[in-house]
Every structure is written in C-alpha cells, then in structure tokens.
Amino acid sequence: MDGLTGIRKLPRGLKNAKGEIKGSSLGEADLVSFAQNVVLPHPRAILSPVGLRPSDNPPAVVDKYRQVQGEGIERGTAFYRKLGRETMAQIYEEFGHWFRKLSYDTYLKIILLGECIVLALVNAFGHSISGGYASELTRLRYVIDRDFVREERSNFFWHELLRNQLWYTSKRHPIPLLDTWAKTGHPVLDRYRRNGRLDLNDLFWNNLVFVRSHESLEVRIADIAAAVFTRHFNGKGAAPAYDLLKGSIAGRGRVPVILLTDFDLSAWTYDPEDNPWLAGREPD
C-alpha cells in the first residue's frame, strides 16, 4: 500500500475542505493506522525527526548565538562594500536588519527547520549508501510547508541562514561518501561536486520548494509523524504509534534534541575562518 492510499484510509471527518489532515486532530487509533498504513508498508518511509525544548534554550542564551551570527552578517556587509559590490552590500545590510527583528520563537523555528534539513540530508546519504541505492541521491528534493516562508526576500535570507547551519552541522556530522567513488567515479559526485568539493547550491536553491500542505503527500506525512513524536515525548500519549515508528527513525532510532550551550560572550573573538559567509575570502 502506498502512502497516498494510506492517507485516504484515515477517516474523512478528520479532513478539512482541502483534504488536509492536521496531526493534532488525530486520535490514538488514527495515529496507529497512520503508522501501519502509511509509514511501514514497502517502501518504508524513513524519518529524521529533531527535537527542541524552548525551556532548555532560554532567550538569554539564544541571544548570544544571534549576536555571533549577526556579527558574521555585518562582516559580510563590510566585505562586499570593501570590494565595491554595493548591491550585495545592501542585500546583506537588509539581511542583518531582518535577522535582528526575528522573534525568539521564529528564530528557534528557523534553527529547528535547518537542523531537520541538514540531518535529513546526512541520513539520506547514509541510508541510501548502506541500502545500495545511492544513485537515487541525484534526484534529491526538499518539500516544505509554505506557511514557513511566504515572501521572496525572506526566502533569500532564510537560505542564507540555512547555509550557515549546513556549514556548522557538517563539521559535526559530515555528509557520508564512499572513498571508492573518487577512484571509480559516481553519479552523486557528478551531481554534487564542483572543483573537488561538495556544492549543494543547486539542491538548496532549485530543488527546495515551498508547497501547501494539502497538496503534498510528503508534508502531510511529516505533519502526522511530528504529532506522534510530540505527543510521545511530551508524555501525552501516542506510545503505540511511536513504538511502530521507531524502526523508521534514521540514525539507529535516536531523536536528537537541539541544545544551545551557554558560553561567555565577552570571551568570544571573531574568527573570519569560522564565518560561513566569508571563510577564506575576507580581505585584509
């Protein structure tokens, strides 16, 4: 049974006029049915959930990370201005204004989504390599609920923050590649490597789309799966459905939780090589 057929098996009364189902409206039996009829049938859906507890990331700590990122954006503005690229300097200046105005909740949402995207990328590479279908990686595509980014300018700025997260997360969780590919060649390297390095610009700009949730099976699956994880980890039920989904969680069934550790901002010093927007390019 494919995922769309499984979604259709859920009660009609749970769907709105657009055919959209919100995971928060589903009962325990519905969540079990979702796991059995949508996620588990071949080909099984592989999930890459990420958790974040606002109580573990207080505003005072989050603000320190924002100040560090803001410094990097300001350096980017100065970099392009020094090169005489005033258009790019103005874009980065506007980017900085947009970034500083983000609310605490929106900033955490951006961090969470970016971590999900990067983790899903790492897991997609690892799972497909171990499963012997790595050639399918050339058709990678991201589909995200349109509610997240609505304006074109915000879309550009969000992509810049995503690049920031990819930079840092890839240091902790490098994208897995087979050493033999460098000798034998592989479609994945042809697709994603430029000048000897991975280049994911085309993936994140041209193959990452924002859609209405009721128009996308993948987004609907993600929404209902998230409802299972949220209820389970908040102690509000969904244990039977969670037990069914555990085997579909990539990374040995573990759900990583984002924790921004506190640090002494006064002791922090700017390092251009640790700036994802300027590493290796900042002028003297």
C-alpha atoms as a PDB file:
ATOM      1  CA  MET A   1       0.000   0.000   0.000  1.00  0.00           C
ATOM      2  CA  ASP A   2       1.466   3.395  -0.947  1.00  0.00           C
ATOM      3  CA  GLY A   3       1.422   6.408   1.345  1.00  0.00           C
ATOM      4  CA  LEU A   4      -1.363   8.211  -0.502  1.00  0.00           C
ATOM      5  CA  THR A   5      -3.649   5.183  -0.205  1.00  0.00           C
ATOM      6  CA  GLY A   6      -2.822   5.017   3.500  1.00  0.00           C
ATOM      7  CA  ILE A   7      -3.702   8.693   3.980  1.00  0.00           C
ATOM      8  CA  ARG A   8      -7.010   8.119   2.202  1.00  0.00           C
ATOM      9  CA  LYS A   9      -7.855   5.338   4.652  1.00  0.00           C
ATOM     10  CA  LEU A  10      -7.955   7.841   7.520  1.00  0.00           C
ATOM     11  CA  PRO A  11     -11.481   8.989   8.483  1.00  0.00           C
ATOM     12  CA  ARG A  12     -12.995  11.644   6.196  1.00  0.00           C
ATOM     13  CA  GLY A  13     -14.200  13.604   9.214  1.00  0.00           C
ATOM     14  CA  LEU A  14     -10.600  14.479  10.077  1.00  0.00           C
ATOM     15  CA  LYS A  15     -10.035  16.258   6.764  1.00  0.00           C
ATOM     16  CA  ASN A  16     -10.850  19.879   6.019  1.00  0.00           C
ATOM     17  CA  ALA A  17     -12.334  21.160   2.745  1.00  0.00           C
ATOM     18  CA  LYS A  18      -8.912  20.912   1.085  1.00  0.00           C
ATOM     19  CA  GLY A  19      -8.423  17.305   2.129  1.00  0.00           C
ATOM     20  CA  GLU A  20      -5.782  18.366   4.648  1.00  0.00           C
ATOM     21  CA  ILE A  21      -5.306  16.416   7.861  1.00  0.00           C
ATOM     22  CA  LYS A  22      -3.683  18.038  10.864  1.00  0.00           C
ATOM     23  CA  GLY A  23      -1.838  15.562  13.067  1.00  0.00           C
ATOM     24  CA  SER A  24      -3.071  17.342  16.186  1.00  0.00           C
ATOM     25  CA  SER A  25      -6.647  16.328  15.340  1.00  0.00           C
ATOM     26  CA  LEU A  26      -5.931  12.593  15.145  1.00  0.00           C
ATOM     27  CA  GLY A  27      -6.808  10.148  17.904  1.00  0.00           C
ATOM     28  CA  GLU A  28      -4.626   7.308  19.182  1.00  0.00           C
ATOM     29  CA  ALA A  29      -6.171   4.728  16.848  1.00  0.00           C
ATOM     30  CA  ASP A  30      -5.751   7.088  13.881  1.00  0.00           C
ATOM     31  CA  LEU A  31      -2.055   7.524  14.632  1.00  0.00           C
ATOM     32  CA  VAL A  32      -1.586   3.755  14.820  1.00  0.00           C
ATOM     33  CA  SER A  33      -3.411   3.409  11.497  1.00  0.00           C
ATOM     34  CA  PHE A  34      -1.130   6.074  10.017  1.00  0.00           C
ATOM     35  CA  ALA A  35       1.979   4.173  11.142  1.00  0.00           C
ATOM     36  CA  GLN A  36       0.676   0.841   9.864  1.00  0.00           C
ATOM     37  CA  ASN A  37      -0.796   2.006   6.570  1.00  0.00           C
ATOM     38  CA  VAL A  38       1.405   4.935   5.550  1.00  0.00           C
ATOM     39  CA  VAL A  39       4.896   4.678   7.044  1.00  0.00           C
ATOM     40  CA  LEU A  40       5.548   0.946   7.401  1.00  0.00           C
ATOM     41  CA  PRO A  41       4.417  -0.551   4.052  1.00  0.00           C
ATOM     42  CA  HIS A  42       7.114  -1.017   1.405  1.00  0.00           C
ATOM     43  CA  PRO A  43       8.827   1.223   0.512  1.00  0.00           C
ATOM     44  CA  ARG A  44       9.014   2.253   4.156  1.00  0.00           C
ATOM     45  CA  ALA A  45       9.244   5.957   4.878  1.00  0.00           C
ATOM     46  CA  ILE A  46      12.472   6.891   6.693  1.00  0.00           C
ATOM     47  CA  LEU A  47      12.077   9.675   9.261  1.00  0.00           C
ATOM     48  CA  SER A  48      14.645  12.193  10.542  1.00  0.00           C
ATOM     49  CA  PRO A  49      12.960  13.911  13.495  1.00  0.00           C
ATOM     50  CA  VAL A  50      14.673  16.602  15.554  1.00  0.00           C
ATOM     51  CA  GLY A  51      13.501  17.888  18.931  1.00  0.00           C
ATOM     52  CA  LEU A  52      13.828  21.282  20.599  1.00  0.00           C
ATOM     53  CA  ARG A  53      12.634  22.320  24.057  1.00  0.00           C
ATOM     54  CA  PRO A  54      12.386  26.101  24.468  1.00  0.00           C
ATOM     55  CA  SER A  55      12.846  25.682  28.223  1.00  0.00           C
ATOM     56  CA  ASP A  56      16.316  24.229  27.561  1.00  0.00           C
ATOM     57  CA  ASN A  57      17.213  27.160  25.286  1.00  0.00           C
ATOM     58  CA  PRO A  58      16.410  30.316  27.269  1.00  0.00           C
ATOM     59  CA  PRO A  59      16.301  33.690  25.483  1.00  0.00           C
ATOM     60  CA  ALA A  60      19.483  34.905  27.218  1.00  0.00           C
ATOM     61  CA  VAL A  61      21.495  32.011  25.735  1.00  0.00           C
ATOM     62  CA  VAL A  62      19.800  32.153  22.342  1.00  0.00           C
ATOM     63  CA  ASP A  63      20.598  35.863  22.126  1.00  0.00           C
ATOM     64  CA  LYS A  64      24.318  35.129  22.400  1.00  0.00           C
ATOM     65  CA  TYR A  65      24.167  32.884  19.353  1.00  0.00           C
ATOM     66  CA  ARG A  66      22.214  35.540  17.498  1.00  0.00           C
ATOM     67  CA  GLN A  67      24.847  38.145  18.324  1.00  0.00           C
ATOM     68  CA  VAL A  68      27.581  35.896  16.944  1.00  0.00           C
ATOM     69  CA  GLN A  69      25.615  35.266  13.757  1.00  0.00           C
ATOM     70  CA  GLY A  70      24.770  38.951  13.491  1.00  0.00           C
ATOM     71  CA  GLU A  71      28.460  39.806  13.670  1.00  0.00           C
ATOM     72  CA  GLY A  72      29.102  37.451  10.763  1.00  0.00           C
ATOM     73  CA  ILE A  73      26.392  39.095   8.677  1.00  0.00           C
ATOM     74  CA  GLU A  74      27.789  42.579   9.439  1.00  0.00           C
ATOM     75  CA  ARG A  75      31.235  41.393   8.379  1.00  0.00           C
ATOM     76  CA  GLY A  76      29.678  40.151   5.150  1.00  0.00           C
ATOM     77  CA  THR A  77      28.236  43.611   4.532  1.00  0.00           C
ATOM     78  CA  ALA A  78      31.632  45.237   5.123  1.00  0.00           C
ATOM     79  CA  PHE A  79      33.333  42.635   2.904  1.00  0.00           C
ATOM     80  CA  TYR A  80      31.178  43.361  -0.134  1.00  0.00           C
ATOM     81  CA  ARG A  81      31.320  47.109   0.475  1.00  0.00           C
ATOM     82  CA  LYS A  82      35.122  46.971   0.547  1.00  0.00           C
ATOM     83  CA  LEU A  83      35.086  45.142  -2.784  1.00  0.00           C
ATOM     84  CA  GLY A  84      32.849  47.843  -4.232  1.00  0.00           C
ATOM     85  CA  ARG A  85      29.946  45.426  -4.665  1.00  0.00           C
ATOM     86  CA  GLU A  86      27.379  47.828  -3.292  1.00  0.00           C
ATOM     87  CA  THR A  87      24.338  45.819  -4.398  1.00  0.00           C
ATOM     88  CA  MET A  88      25.483  42.779  -2.418  1.00  0.00           C
ATOM     89  CA  ALA A  89      26.448  45.015   0.497  1.00  0.00           C
ATOM     90  CA  GLN A  90      22.949  46.471   0.592  1.00  0.00           C
ATOM     91  CA  ILE A  91      21.398  42.988   0.435  1.00  0.00           C
ATOM     92  CA  TYR A  92      23.479  41.851   3.387  1.00  0.00           C
ATOM     93  CA  GLU A  93      22.672  45.041   5.247  1.00  0.00           C
ATOM     94  CA  GLU A  94      18.964  44.331   4.734  1.00  0.00           C
ATOM     95  CA  PHE A  95      19.628  40.731   5.732  1.00  0.00           C
ATOM     96  CA  GLY A  96      21.090  41.968   9.012  1.00  0.00           C
ATOM     97  CA  HIS A  97      18.031  44.153   9.710  1.00  0.00           C
ATOM     98  CA  TRP A  98      15.709  41.217   9.007  1.00  0.00           C
ATOM     99  CA  PHE A  99      17.768  38.915  11.198  1.00  0.00           C
ATOM    100  CA  ARG A 100      17.774  41.292  14.178  1.00  0.00           C
ATOM    101  CA  LYS A 101      13.982  41.645  14.017  1.00  0.00           C
ATOM    102  CA  LEU A 102      13.316  37.895  14.250  1.00  0.00           C
ATOM    103  CA  SER A 103      11.369  36.969  17.351  1.00  0.00           C
ATOM    104  CA  TYR A 104      12.695  34.386  19.771  1.00  0.00           C
ATOM    105  CA  ASP A 105      10.052  31.872  18.624  1.00  0.00           C
ATOM    106  CA  THR A 106      10.724  32.443  14.926  1.00  0.00           C
ATOM    107  CA  TYR A 107      14.463  32.148  15.407  1.00  0.00           C
ATOM    108  CA  LEU A 108      14.081  28.803  17.193  1.00  0.00           C
ATOM    109  CA  LYS A 109      11.754  27.624  14.435  1.00  0.00           C
ATOM    110  CA  ILE A 110      14.386  28.529  11.841  1.00  0.00           C
ATOM    111  CA  ILE A 111      17.075  26.709  13.805  1.00  0.00           C
ATOM    112  CA  LEU A 112      14.870  23.628  14.134  1.00  0.00           C
ATOM    113  CA  LEU A 113      13.916  23.518  10.456  1.00  0.00           C
ATOM    114  CA  GLY A 114      17.507  23.993   9.339  1.00  0.00           C
ATOM    115  CA  GLU A 115      18.700  21.200  11.624  1.00  0.00           C
ATOM    116  CA  CYS A 116      15.985  18.917  10.223  1.00  0.00           C
ATOM    117  CA  ILE A 117      17.018  19.703   6.653  1.00  0.00           C
ATOM    118  CA  VAL A 118      20.718  19.093   7.261  1.00  0.00           C
ATOM    119  CA  LEU A 119      20.128  15.937   9.306  1.00  0.00           C
ATOM    120  CA  ALA A 120      17.782  14.566   6.647  1.00  0.00           C
ATOM    121  CA  LEU A 121      20.495  15.176   4.045  1.00  0.00           C
ATOM    122  CA  VAL A 122      23.115  13.299   6.071  1.00  0.00           C
ATOM    123  CA  ASN A 123      20.672  10.464   6.732  1.00  0.00           C
ATOM    124  CA  ALA A 124      19.615  10.284   3.076  1.00  0.00           C
ATOM    125  CA  PHE A 125      23.227   9.801   2.008  1.00  0.00           C
ATOM    126  CA  GLY A 126      23.980   7.278   4.744  1.00  0.00           C
ATOM    127  CA  HIS A 127      20.784   5.255   4.311  1.00  0.00           C
ATOM    128  CA  SER A 128      20.980   5.113   0.512  1.00  0.00           C
ATOM    129  CA  ILE A 129      24.645   4.093   0.544  1.00  0.00           C
ATOM    130  CA  SER A 130      24.030   1.307   3.058  1.00  0.00           C
ATOM    131  CA  GLY A 131      20.922   0.252   1.145  1.00  0.00           C
ATOM    132  CA  GLY A 132      22.672   0.117  -2.217  1.00  0.00           C
ATOM    133  CA  TYR A 133      20.606   2.758  -3.982  1.00  0.00           C
ATOM    134  CA  ALA A 134      22.933   5.766  -3.784  1.00  0.00           C
ATOM    135  CA  SER A 135      22.359   6.624  -7.451  1.00  0.00           C
ATOM    136  CA  GLU A 136      18.905   7.892  -6.427  1.00  0.00           C
ATOM    137  CA  LEU A 137      20.585  10.695  -4.491  1.00  0.00           C
ATOM    138  CA  THR A 138      20.880  12.610  -7.753  1.00  0.00           C
ATOM    139  CA  ARG A 139      17.098  13.141  -7.564  1.00  0.00           C
ATOM    140  CA  LEU A 140      17.039  14.613  -4.056  1.00  0.00           C
ATOM    141  CA  ARG A 141      14.358  17.216  -3.477  1.00  0.00           C
ATOM    142  CA  TYR A 142      13.086  19.098  -0.413  1.00  0.00           C
ATOM    143  CA  VAL A 143       9.400  19.902   0.034  1.00  0.00           C
ATOM    144  CA  ILE A 144       8.492  22.298   2.882  1.00  0.00           C
ATOM    145  CA  ASP A 145       5.206  23.701   4.134  1.00  0.00           C
ATOM    146  CA  ARG A 146       4.660  27.129   2.561  1.00  0.00           C
ATOM    147  CA  ASP A 147       3.482  28.578   5.873  1.00  0.00           C
ATOM    148  CA  PHE A 148       7.103  28.869   6.898  1.00  0.00           C
ATOM    149  CA  VAL A 149       8.448  31.325   4.285  1.00  0.00           C
ATOM    150  CA  ARG A 150       5.961  33.492   2.420  1.00  0.00           C
ATOM    151  CA  GLU A 151       7.929  36.427   0.957  1.00  0.00           C
ATOM    152  CA  GLU A 152      10.642  36.224  -1.690  1.00  0.00           C
ATOM    153  CA  ARG A 153      13.075  38.385   0.312  1.00  0.00           C
ATOM    154  CA  SER A 154      12.553  36.293   3.446  1.00  0.00           C
ATOM    155  CA  ASN A 155      13.179  33.211   1.327  1.00  0.00           C
ATOM    156  CA  PHE A 156      16.605  34.547   0.334  1.00  0.00           C
ATOM    157  CA  PHE A 157      17.542  35.445   3.904  1.00  0.00           C
ATOM    158  CA  TRP A 158      16.348  32.078   5.201  1.00  0.00           C
ATOM    159  CA  HIS A 159      18.509  30.313   2.611  1.00  0.00           C
ATOM    160  CA  GLU A 160      21.497  32.256   3.887  1.00  0.00           C
ATOM    161  CA  LEU A 161      20.791  31.061   7.442  1.00  0.00           C
ATOM    162  CA  LEU A 162      20.395  27.524   6.107  1.00  0.00           C
ATOM    163  CA  ARG A 163      23.845  27.802   4.541  1.00  0.00           C
ATOM    164  CA  ASN A 164      25.132  28.892   7.942  1.00  0.00           C
ATOM    165  CA  GLN A 165      23.658  25.783   9.566  1.00  0.00           C
ATOM    166  CA  LEU A 166      24.963  23.472   6.851  1.00  0.00           C
ATOM    167  CA  TRP A 167      28.419  24.900   7.458  1.00  0.00           C
ATOM    168  CA  TYR A 168      28.412  24.209  11.185  1.00  0.00           C
ATOM    169  CA  THR A 169      26.402  20.987  11.207  1.00  0.00           C
ATOM    170  CA  SER A 170      28.555  19.395   8.510  1.00  0.00           C
ATOM    171  CA  LYS A 171      31.518  19.804  10.842  1.00  0.00           C
ATOM    172  CA  ARG A 172      29.745  17.674  13.474  1.00  0.00           C
ATOM    173  CA  HIS A 173      28.020  15.329  11.036  1.00  0.00           C
ATOM    174  CA  PRO A 174      29.918  15.173   7.721  1.00  0.00           C
ATOM    175  CA  ILE A 175      27.939  14.022   4.707  1.00  0.00           C
ATOM    176  CA  PRO A 176      28.977  10.385   4.142  1.00  0.00           C
ATOM    177  CA  LEU A 177      30.638   9.499   0.845  1.00  0.00           C
ATOM    178  CA  LEU A 178      32.403   6.328  -0.272  1.00  0.00           C
ATOM    179  CA  ASP A 179      36.171   6.610  -0.798  1.00  0.00           C
ATOM    180  CA  THR A 180      35.893   4.352  -3.842  1.00  0.00           C
ATOM    181  CA  TRP A 181      33.760   6.914  -5.661  1.00  0.00           C
ATOM    182  CA  ALA A 182      36.768   9.212  -6.098  1.00  0.00           C
ATOM    183  CA  LYS A 183      38.561   6.422  -7.991  1.00  0.00           C
ATOM    184  CA  THR A 184      35.719   4.839  -9.916  1.00  0.00           C
ATOM    185  CA  GLY A 185      33.503   7.885 -10.384  1.00  0.00           C
ATOM    186  CA  HIS A 186      29.853   8.056  -9.375  1.00  0.00           C
ATOM    187  CA  PRO A 187      26.699   9.966 -10.447  1.00  0.00           C
ATOM    188  CA  VAL A 188      26.498  11.521  -6.955  1.00  0.00           C
ATOM    189  CA  LEU A 189      29.891  13.172  -7.395  1.00  0.00           C
ATOM    190  CA  ASP A 190      28.944  14.300 -10.903  1.00  0.00           C
ATOM    191  CA  ARG A 191      25.783  15.848  -9.475  1.00  0.00           C
ATOM    192  CA  TYR A 192      27.047  17.493  -6.290  1.00  0.00           C
ATOM    193  CA  ARG A 193      30.795  18.065  -6.619  1.00  0.00           C
ATOM    194  CA  ARG A 194      32.436  21.164  -8.059  1.00  0.00           C
ATOM    195  CA  ASN A 195      36.186  21.805  -8.046  1.00  0.00           C
ATOM    196  CA  GLY A 196      36.788  18.841  -5.747  1.00  0.00           C
ATOM    197  CA  ARG A 197      34.246  19.940  -3.111  1.00  0.00           C
ATOM    198  CA  LEU A 198      30.587  19.258  -2.446  1.00  0.00           C
ATOM    199  CA  ASP A 199      28.414  22.013  -3.881  1.00  0.00           C
ATOM    200  CA  LEU A 200      24.779  21.855  -2.756  1.00  0.00           C
ATOM    201  CA  ASN A 201      23.662  25.250  -4.062  1.00  0.00           C
ATOM    202  CA  ASP A 202      21.525  23.734  -6.810  1.00  0.00           C
ATOM    203  CA  LEU A 203      19.889  21.339  -4.341  1.00  0.00           C
ATOM    204  CA  PHE A 204      19.009  24.038  -1.819  1.00  0.00           C
ATOM    205  CA  TRP A 205      18.013  26.731  -4.313  1.00  0.00           C
ATOM    206  CA  ASN A 206      16.448  24.886  -7.237  1.00  0.00           C
ATOM    207  CA  ASN A 207      15.247  21.657  -5.641  1.00  0.00           C
ATOM    208  CA  LEU A 208      13.825  23.011  -2.397  1.00  0.00           C
ATOM    209  CA  VAL A 209      10.234  24.105  -2.811  1.00  0.00           C
ATOM    210  CA  PHE A 210       7.540  25.508  -0.551  1.00  0.00           C
ATOM    211  CA  VAL A 211       4.103  23.980  -1.069  1.00  0.00           C
ATOM    212  CA  ARG A 212       0.656  23.985   0.507  1.00  0.00           C
ATOM    213  CA  SER A 213       0.480  21.058   2.863  1.00  0.00           C
ATOM    214  CA  HIS A 214      -2.767  19.677   1.423  1.00  0.00           C
ATOM    215  CA  GLU A 215      -1.067  19.457  -1.990  1.00  0.00           C
ATOM    216  CA  SER A 216       1.894  17.399  -0.790  1.00  0.00           C
ATOM    217  CA  LEU A 217       1.830  13.825   0.480  1.00  0.00           C
ATOM    218  CA  GLU A 218       5.301  14.250   1.960  1.00  0.00           C
ATOM    219  CA  VAL A 219       4.330  17.297   4.024  1.00  0.00           C
ATOM    220  CA  ARG A 220       1.201  15.554   5.301  1.00  0.00           C
ATOM    221  CA  ILE A 221       3.234  12.521   6.337  1.00  0.00           C
ATOM    222  CA  ALA A 222       5.746  14.768   8.127  1.00  0.00           C
ATOM    223  CA  ASP A 223       2.956  16.625   9.950  1.00  0.00           C
ATOM    224  CA  ILE A 224       1.317  13.462  11.282  1.00  0.00           C
ATOM    225  CA  ALA A 225       4.653  11.847  12.192  1.00  0.00           C
ATOM    226  CA  ALA A 226       5.550  15.025  14.097  1.00  0.00           C
ATOM    227  CA  ALA A 227       2.269  14.719  16.017  1.00  0.00           C
ATOM    228  CA  VAL A 228       3.262  11.220  17.127  1.00  0.00           C
ATOM    229  CA  PHE A 229       6.696  12.343  18.320  1.00  0.00           C
ATOM    230  CA  THR A 230       5.345  15.487  20.023  1.00  0.00           C
ATOM    231  CA  ARG A 231       2.717  13.607  21.992  1.00  0.00           C
ATOM    232  CA  HIS A 232       5.072  10.810  22.951  1.00  0.00           C
ATOM    233  CA  PHE A 233       7.933  12.993  24.187  1.00  0.00           C
ATOM    234  CA  ASN A 234       5.582  15.384  25.971  1.00  0.00           C
ATOM    235  CA  GLY A 235       4.001  12.479  27.836  1.00  0.00           C
ATOM    236  CA  LYS A 236       0.609  12.945  26.189  1.00  0.00           C
ATOM    237  CA  GLY A 237       0.136   9.518  24.664  1.00  0.00           C
ATOM    238  CA  ALA A 238       0.847   8.057  21.207  1.00  0.00           C
ATOM    239  CA  ALA A 239       3.016   5.293  22.690  1.00  0.00           C
ATOM    240  CA  PRO A 240       1.617   2.531  20.403  1.00  0.00           C
ATOM    241  CA  ALA A 241       2.134   4.644  17.280  1.00  0.00           C
ATOM    242  CA  TYR A 242       5.602   5.703  18.430  1.00  0.00           C
ATOM    243  CA  ASP A 243       6.613   2.077  19.011  1.00  0.00           C
ATOM    244  CA  LEU A 244       5.622   1.323  15.425  1.00  0.00           C
ATOM    245  CA  LEU A 245       7.554   4.300  14.047  1.00  0.00           C
ATOM    246  CA  LYS A 246      10.775   3.736  15.993  1.00  0.00           C
ATOM    247  CA  GLY A 247      12.132   1.364  13.376  1.00  0.00           C
ATOM    248  CA  SER A 248      11.693   4.036  10.703  1.00  0.00           C
ATOM    249  CA  ILE A 249      13.786   6.658  12.501  1.00  0.00           C
ATOM    250  CA  ALA A 250      17.161   7.084  10.795  1.00  0.00           C
ATOM    251  CA  GLY A 251      20.298   7.073  12.912  1.00  0.00           C
ATOM    252  CA  ARG A 252      19.532   3.945  14.950  1.00  0.00           C
ATOM    253  CA  GLY A 253      16.218   5.254  16.183  1.00  0.00           C
ATOM    254  CA  ARG A 254      17.606   8.209  18.095  1.00  0.00           C
ATOM    255  CA  VAL A 255      15.871  11.594  18.096  1.00  0.00           C
ATOM    256  CA  PRO A 256      18.481  14.349  18.538  1.00  0.00           C
ATOM    257  CA  VAL A 257      17.496  17.343  20.630  1.00  0.00           C
ATOM    258  CA  ILE A 258      18.881  20.818  19.937  1.00  0.00           C
ATOM    259  CA  LEU A 259      20.617  22.349  22.924  1.00  0.00           C
ATOM    260  CA  LEU A 260      22.387  25.685  22.558  1.00  0.00           C
ATOM    261  CA  THR A 261      25.003  25.513  25.286  1.00  0.00           C
ATOM    262  CA  ASP A 262      25.767  28.680  27.185  1.00  0.00           C
ATOM    263  CA  PHE A 263      29.110  30.443  26.730  1.00  0.00           C
ATOM    264  CA  ASP A 264      30.887  33.614  27.801  1.00  0.00           C
ATOM    265  CA  LEU A 265      30.157  36.091  25.036  1.00  0.00           C
ATOM    266  CA  SER A 266      32.692  38.579  26.418  1.00  0.00           C
ATOM    267  CA  ALA A 267      35.441  35.999  25.842  1.00  0.00           C
ATOM    268  CA  TRP A 268      34.363  35.297  22.260  1.00  0.00           C
ATOM    269  CA  THR A 269      36.531  36.700  19.479  1.00  0.00           C
ATOM    270  CA  TYR A 270      35.652  36.918  15.826  1.00  0.00           C
ATOM    271  CA  ASP A 271      37.427  34.449  13.516  1.00  0.00           C
ATOM    272  CA  PRO A 272      36.907  35.012   9.764  1.00  0.00           C
ATOM    273  CA  GLU A 273      37.615  31.332   9.104  1.00  0.00           C
ATOM    274  CA  ASP A 274      34.653  30.460  11.320  1.00  0.00           C
ATOM    275  CA  ASN A 275      32.288  32.725   9.420  1.00  0.00           C
ATOM    276  CA  PRO A 276      30.265  30.629   6.932  1.00  0.00           C
ATOM    277  CA  TRP A 277      29.600  33.684   4.794  1.00  0.00           C
ATOM    278  CA  LEU A 278      33.245  34.698   4.430  1.00  0.00           C
ATOM    279  CA  ALA A 279      35.547  31.772   5.272  1.00  0.00           C
ATOM    280  CA  GLY A 280      38.690  32.025   3.196  1.00  0.00           C
ATOM    281  CA  ARG A 281      37.503  35.150   1.376  1.00  0.00           C
ATOM    282  CA  GLU A 282      37.703  38.044   3.801  1.00  0.00           C
ATOM    283  CA  PRO A 283      40.141  40.771   2.679  1.00  0.00           C
ATOM    284  CA  ASP A 284      42.927  42.083   4.896  1.00  0.00           C
END
